[in-house]
Amino acid sequence: GGLGSVMTFKRKCQADGTFTAASQCQPVKCGLPALRPNSAFAEETAAPKTFSQAVAIRCHPGFALEPEMGAVAAFEATCEANGAFSGMRDCVNVNDCAGVKCGEGKCVDNAKPTGNHPEDYHCDCNSGFEELIDE
């Protein structure tokens, strides 16, 4: 049975005059969604979900739903009537180079960020220049 379908159940009258057990409508089971790269369940022990229940998902450190610094890094996916989850999102690498000036060179955003902004980019200096890190 899918969304809007009608389920009917039959019960049989047994020899002793009683009916067989009645069936019951239960919510569709979705389980847990397959996580997309760079994401994890927000709760360490996320439980399987049924129709209309949501599961919280967060992006790994250094990743968010948009590449801008400070962008939202969490979302919910909801179990639908068809047994699939809606609301799944991709977590993308935050652009740690936004606003960074490297002088004679260019900023390079690290492909595997840590979530600690100063560690998530480096300056690729032009020939004859070296990176100077302010401490």
C-alpha atoms as a PDB file:
ATOM      1  CA  GLY A   1       0.000   0.000   0.000  1.00  0.00           C
ATOM      2  CA  GLY A   2       1.302   3.401  -0.935  1.00  0.00           C
ATOM      3  CA  LEU A   3       0.135   6.920  -0.259  1.00  0.00           C
ATOM      4  CA  GLY A   4      -3.647   7.104  -0.560  1.00  0.00           C
ATOM      5  CA  SER A   5      -4.108   3.355  -0.944  1.00  0.00           C
ATOM      6  CA  VAL A   6      -6.747   1.468   1.030  1.00  0.00           C
ATOM      7  CA  MET A   7      -5.786  -1.693   2.870  1.00  0.00           C
ATOM      8  CA  THR A   8      -8.413  -4.313   3.620  1.00  0.00           C
ATOM      9  CA  PHE A   9      -8.049  -7.301   5.886  1.00  0.00           C
ATOM     10  CA  LYS A  10     -10.028 -10.510   6.110  1.00  0.00           C
ATOM     11  CA  ARG A  11     -10.779 -12.370   9.315  1.00  0.00           C
ATOM     12  CA  LYS A  12     -12.054 -15.907   9.383  1.00  0.00           C
ATOM     13  CA  CYS A  13     -14.645 -17.343  11.685  1.00  0.00           C
ATOM     14  CA  GLN A  14     -13.061 -20.352  13.362  1.00  0.00           C
ATOM     15  CA  ALA A  15     -14.817 -23.574  14.441  1.00  0.00           C
ATOM     16  CA  ASP A  16     -15.036 -22.342  18.041  1.00  0.00           C
ATOM     17  CA  GLY A  17     -16.934 -19.227  16.923  1.00  0.00           C
ATOM     18  CA  THR A  18     -14.045 -16.804  17.412  1.00  0.00           C
ATOM     19  CA  PHE A  19     -12.373 -14.791  14.678  1.00  0.00           C
ATOM     20  CA  THR A  20      -8.747 -15.000  13.648  1.00  0.00           C
ATOM     21  CA  ALA A  21      -6.533 -12.150  14.872  1.00  0.00           C
ATOM     22  CA  ALA A  22      -7.075  -8.773  13.228  1.00  0.00           C
ATOM     23  CA  SER A  23      -4.320  -7.189  11.181  1.00  0.00           C
ATOM     24  CA  GLN A  24      -3.277  -3.632  11.949  1.00  0.00           C
ATOM     25  CA  CYS A  25      -2.062  -0.779   9.812  1.00  0.00           C
ATOM     26  CA  GLN A  26       1.516   0.086  10.718  1.00  0.00           C
ATOM     27  CA  PRO A  27       3.624   3.021   9.540  1.00  0.00           C
ATOM     28  CA  VAL A  28       5.908   2.351   6.569  1.00  0.00           C
ATOM     29  CA  LYS A  29       9.470   1.527   7.646  1.00  0.00           C
ATOM     30  CA  CYS A  30      12.294   3.532   6.069  1.00  0.00           C
ATOM     31  CA  GLY A  31      15.173   2.438   8.302  1.00  0.00           C
ATOM     32  CA  LEU A  32      18.025   4.943   8.061  1.00  0.00           C
ATOM     33  CA  PRO A  33      19.086   6.821   4.928  1.00  0.00           C
ATOM     34  CA  ALA A  34      22.367   6.100   3.162  1.00  0.00           C
ATOM     35  CA  LEU A  35      24.663   8.918   4.187  1.00  0.00           C
ATOM     36  CA  ARG A  36      26.198  11.064   1.489  1.00  0.00           C
ATOM     37  CA  PRO A  37      29.932  11.872   1.574  1.00  0.00           C
ATOM     38  CA  ASN A  38      31.175  14.182   4.352  1.00  0.00           C
ATOM     39  CA  SER A  39      28.114  13.714   6.579  1.00  0.00           C
ATOM     40  CA  ALA A  40      27.130  11.740   9.681  1.00  0.00           C
ATOM     41  CA  PHE A  41      24.059  11.167  11.810  1.00  0.00           C
ATOM     42  CA  ALA A  42      23.767  13.898  14.457  1.00  0.00           C
ATOM     43  CA  GLU A  43      23.003  11.298  17.141  1.00  0.00           C
ATOM     44  CA  GLU A  44      25.607   8.550  17.613  1.00  0.00           C
ATOM     45  CA  THR A  45      22.827   5.973  17.995  1.00  0.00           C
ATOM     46  CA  ALA A  46      20.353   7.078  15.335  1.00  0.00           C
ATOM     47  CA  ALA A  47      17.352   4.728  15.397  1.00  0.00           C
ATOM     48  CA  PRO A  48      15.579   3.430  12.270  1.00  0.00           C
ATOM     49  CA  LYS A  49      12.706   5.703  11.189  1.00  0.00           C
ATOM     50  CA  THR A  50       9.125   5.096  10.111  1.00  0.00           C
ATOM     51  CA  PHE A  51       6.716   7.231   8.061  1.00  0.00           C
ATOM     52  CA  SER A  52       6.806  10.947   8.994  1.00  0.00           C
ATOM     53  CA  GLN A  53       9.773  10.601  11.359  1.00  0.00           C
ATOM     54  CA  ALA A  54      12.931  12.626  10.708  1.00  0.00           C
ATOM     55  CA  VAL A  55      16.591  11.887  11.318  1.00  0.00           C
ATOM     56  CA  ALA A  56      19.113  14.670  12.032  1.00  0.00           C
ATOM     57  CA  ILE A  57      22.261  14.716   9.882  1.00  0.00           C
ATOM     58  CA  ARG A  58      25.304  16.968  10.237  1.00  0.00           C
ATOM     59  CA  CYS A  59      28.179  17.782   7.928  1.00  0.00           C
ATOM     60  CA  HIS A  60      31.730  16.835   8.902  1.00  0.00           C
ATOM     61  CA  PRO A  61      33.933  19.680  10.223  1.00  0.00           C
ATOM     62  CA  GLY A  62      34.958  22.014   7.397  1.00  0.00           C
ATOM     63  CA  PHE A  63      31.898  21.091   5.328  1.00  0.00           C
ATOM     64  CA  ALA A  64      28.457  22.761   5.105  1.00  0.00           C
ATOM     65  CA  LEU A  65      25.372  22.886   2.877  1.00  0.00           C
ATOM     66  CA  GLU A  66      26.813  25.919   1.040  1.00  0.00           C
ATOM     67  CA  PRO A  67      30.493  26.746   0.453  1.00  0.00           C
ATOM     68  CA  GLU A  68      30.363  30.049   2.384  1.00  0.00           C
ATOM     69  CA  MET A  69      32.000  30.412   5.808  1.00  0.00           C
ATOM     70  CA  GLY A  70      29.362  30.121   8.544  1.00  0.00           C
ATOM     71  CA  ALA A  71      26.863  28.303   6.310  1.00  0.00           C
ATOM     72  CA  VAL A  72      24.376  25.849   7.857  1.00  0.00           C
ATOM     73  CA  ALA A  73      26.007  22.453   8.431  1.00  0.00           C
ATOM     74  CA  ALA A  74      23.037  20.330   9.552  1.00  0.00           C
ATOM     75  CA  PHE A  75      19.686  19.196   8.168  1.00  0.00           C
ATOM     76  CA  GLU A  76      16.884  16.666   8.642  1.00  0.00           C
ATOM     77  CA  ALA A  77      15.747  13.910   6.284  1.00  0.00           C
ATOM     78  CA  THR A  78      12.140  12.684   6.611  1.00  0.00           C
ATOM     79  CA  CYS A  79      10.761   9.172   6.047  1.00  0.00           C
ATOM     80  CA  GLU A  80       8.064   9.354   3.356  1.00  0.00           C
ATOM     81  CA  ALA A  81       5.058   7.123   2.608  1.00  0.00           C
ATOM     82  CA  ASN A  82       6.973   5.362  -0.193  1.00  0.00           C
ATOM     83  CA  GLY A  83       9.703   4.197   2.230  1.00  0.00           C
ATOM     84  CA  ALA A  84      12.327   6.650   0.937  1.00  0.00           C
ATOM     85  CA  PHE A  85      13.803   9.700   2.640  1.00  0.00           C
ATOM     86  CA  SER A  86      13.213  13.257   1.441  1.00  0.00           C
ATOM     87  CA  GLY A  87      15.412  16.218   2.301  1.00  0.00           C
ATOM     88  CA  MET A  88      18.798  14.571   1.768  1.00  0.00           C
ATOM     89  CA  ARG A  89      21.493  17.185   1.092  1.00  0.00           C
ATOM     90  CA  ASP A  90      25.120  17.255   0.001  1.00  0.00           C
ATOM     91  CA  CYS A  91      27.803  18.602   2.335  1.00  0.00           C
ATOM     92  CA  VAL A  92      30.387  20.656   0.428  1.00  0.00           C
ATOM     93  CA  ASN A  93      33.842  21.896   1.374  1.00  0.00           C
ATOM     94  CA  VAL A  94      33.611  25.388   2.870  1.00  0.00           C
ATOM     95  CA  ASN A  95      35.642  27.922   0.864  1.00  0.00           C
ATOM     96  CA  ASP A  96      38.243  28.919   3.467  1.00  0.00           C
ATOM     97  CA  CYS A  97      39.931  31.184   0.896  1.00  0.00           C
ATOM     98  CA  ALA A  98      37.095  33.724   0.884  1.00  0.00           C
ATOM     99  CA  GLY A  99      38.625  37.043   1.952  1.00  0.00           C
ATOM    100  CA  VAL A 100      42.136  35.576   2.383  1.00  0.00           C
ATOM    101  CA  LYS A 101      44.917  37.644   0.776  1.00  0.00           C
ATOM    102  CA  CYS A 102      48.147  35.806   0.057  1.00  0.00           C
ATOM    103  CA  GLY A 103      50.075  38.758  -1.378  1.00  0.00           C
ATOM    104  CA  GLU A 104      52.296  37.388  -4.141  1.00  0.00           C
ATOM    105  CA  GLY A 105      50.488  34.079  -4.574  1.00  0.00           C
ATOM    106  CA  LYS A 106      47.098  32.444  -4.410  1.00  0.00           C
ATOM    107  CA  CYS A 107      45.049  30.866  -1.669  1.00  0.00           C
ATOM    108  CA  VAL A 108      44.454  27.112  -1.934  1.00  0.00           C
ATOM    109  CA  ASP A 109      41.520  25.580  -0.038  1.00  0.00           C
ATOM    110  CA  ASN A 110      42.486  22.220   1.505  1.00  0.00           C
ATOM    111  CA  ALA A 111      40.510  19.297   0.030  1.00  0.00           C
ATOM    112  CA  LYS A 112      40.290  17.595   3.455  1.00  0.00           C
ATOM    113  CA  PRO A 113      39.380  20.350   5.920  1.00  0.00           C
ATOM    114  CA  THR A 114      39.578  20.028   9.699  1.00  0.00           C
ATOM    115  CA  GLY A 115      36.969  22.654  10.547  1.00  0.00           C
ATOM    116  CA  ASN A 116      39.712  24.920  11.963  1.00  0.00           C
ATOM    117  CA  HIS A 117      39.816  27.835   9.496  1.00  0.00           C
ATOM    118  CA  PRO A 118      43.583  28.656   9.695  1.00  0.00           C
ATOM    119  CA  GLU A 119      44.419  24.997   9.046  1.00  0.00           C
ATOM    120  CA  ASP A 120      41.999  24.599   6.129  1.00  0.00           C
ATOM    121  CA  TYR A 121      43.861  26.692   3.541  1.00  0.00           C
ATOM    122  CA  HIS A 122      47.394  27.642   2.578  1.00  0.00           C
ATOM    123  CA  CYS A 123      49.035  30.209   0.363  1.00  0.00           C
ATOM    124  CA  ASP A 124      50.693  28.922  -2.791  1.00  0.00           C
ATOM    125  CA  CYS A 125      53.366  31.577  -3.288  1.00  0.00           C
ATOM    126  CA  ASN A 126      54.696  32.771  -6.616  1.00  0.00           C
ATOM    127  CA  SER A 127      58.280  31.933  -7.555  1.00  0.00           C
ATOM    128  CA  GLY A 128      60.725  33.871  -5.364  1.00  0.00           C
ATOM    129  CA  PHE A 129      58.248  34.236  -2.461  1.00  0.00           C
ATOM    130  CA  GLU A 130      57.631  32.110   0.641  1.00  0.00           C
ATOM    131  CA  GLU A 131      54.703  31.805   2.996  1.00  0.00           C
ATOM    132  CA  LEU A 132      54.998  33.828   6.204  1.00  0.00           C
ATOM    133  CA  ILE A 133      52.636  32.688   8.941  1.00  0.00           C
ATOM    134  CA  ASP A 134      51.678  35.283  11.580  1.00  0.00           C
ATOM    135  CA  GLU A 135      51.868  33.733  15.028  1.00  0.00           C
END
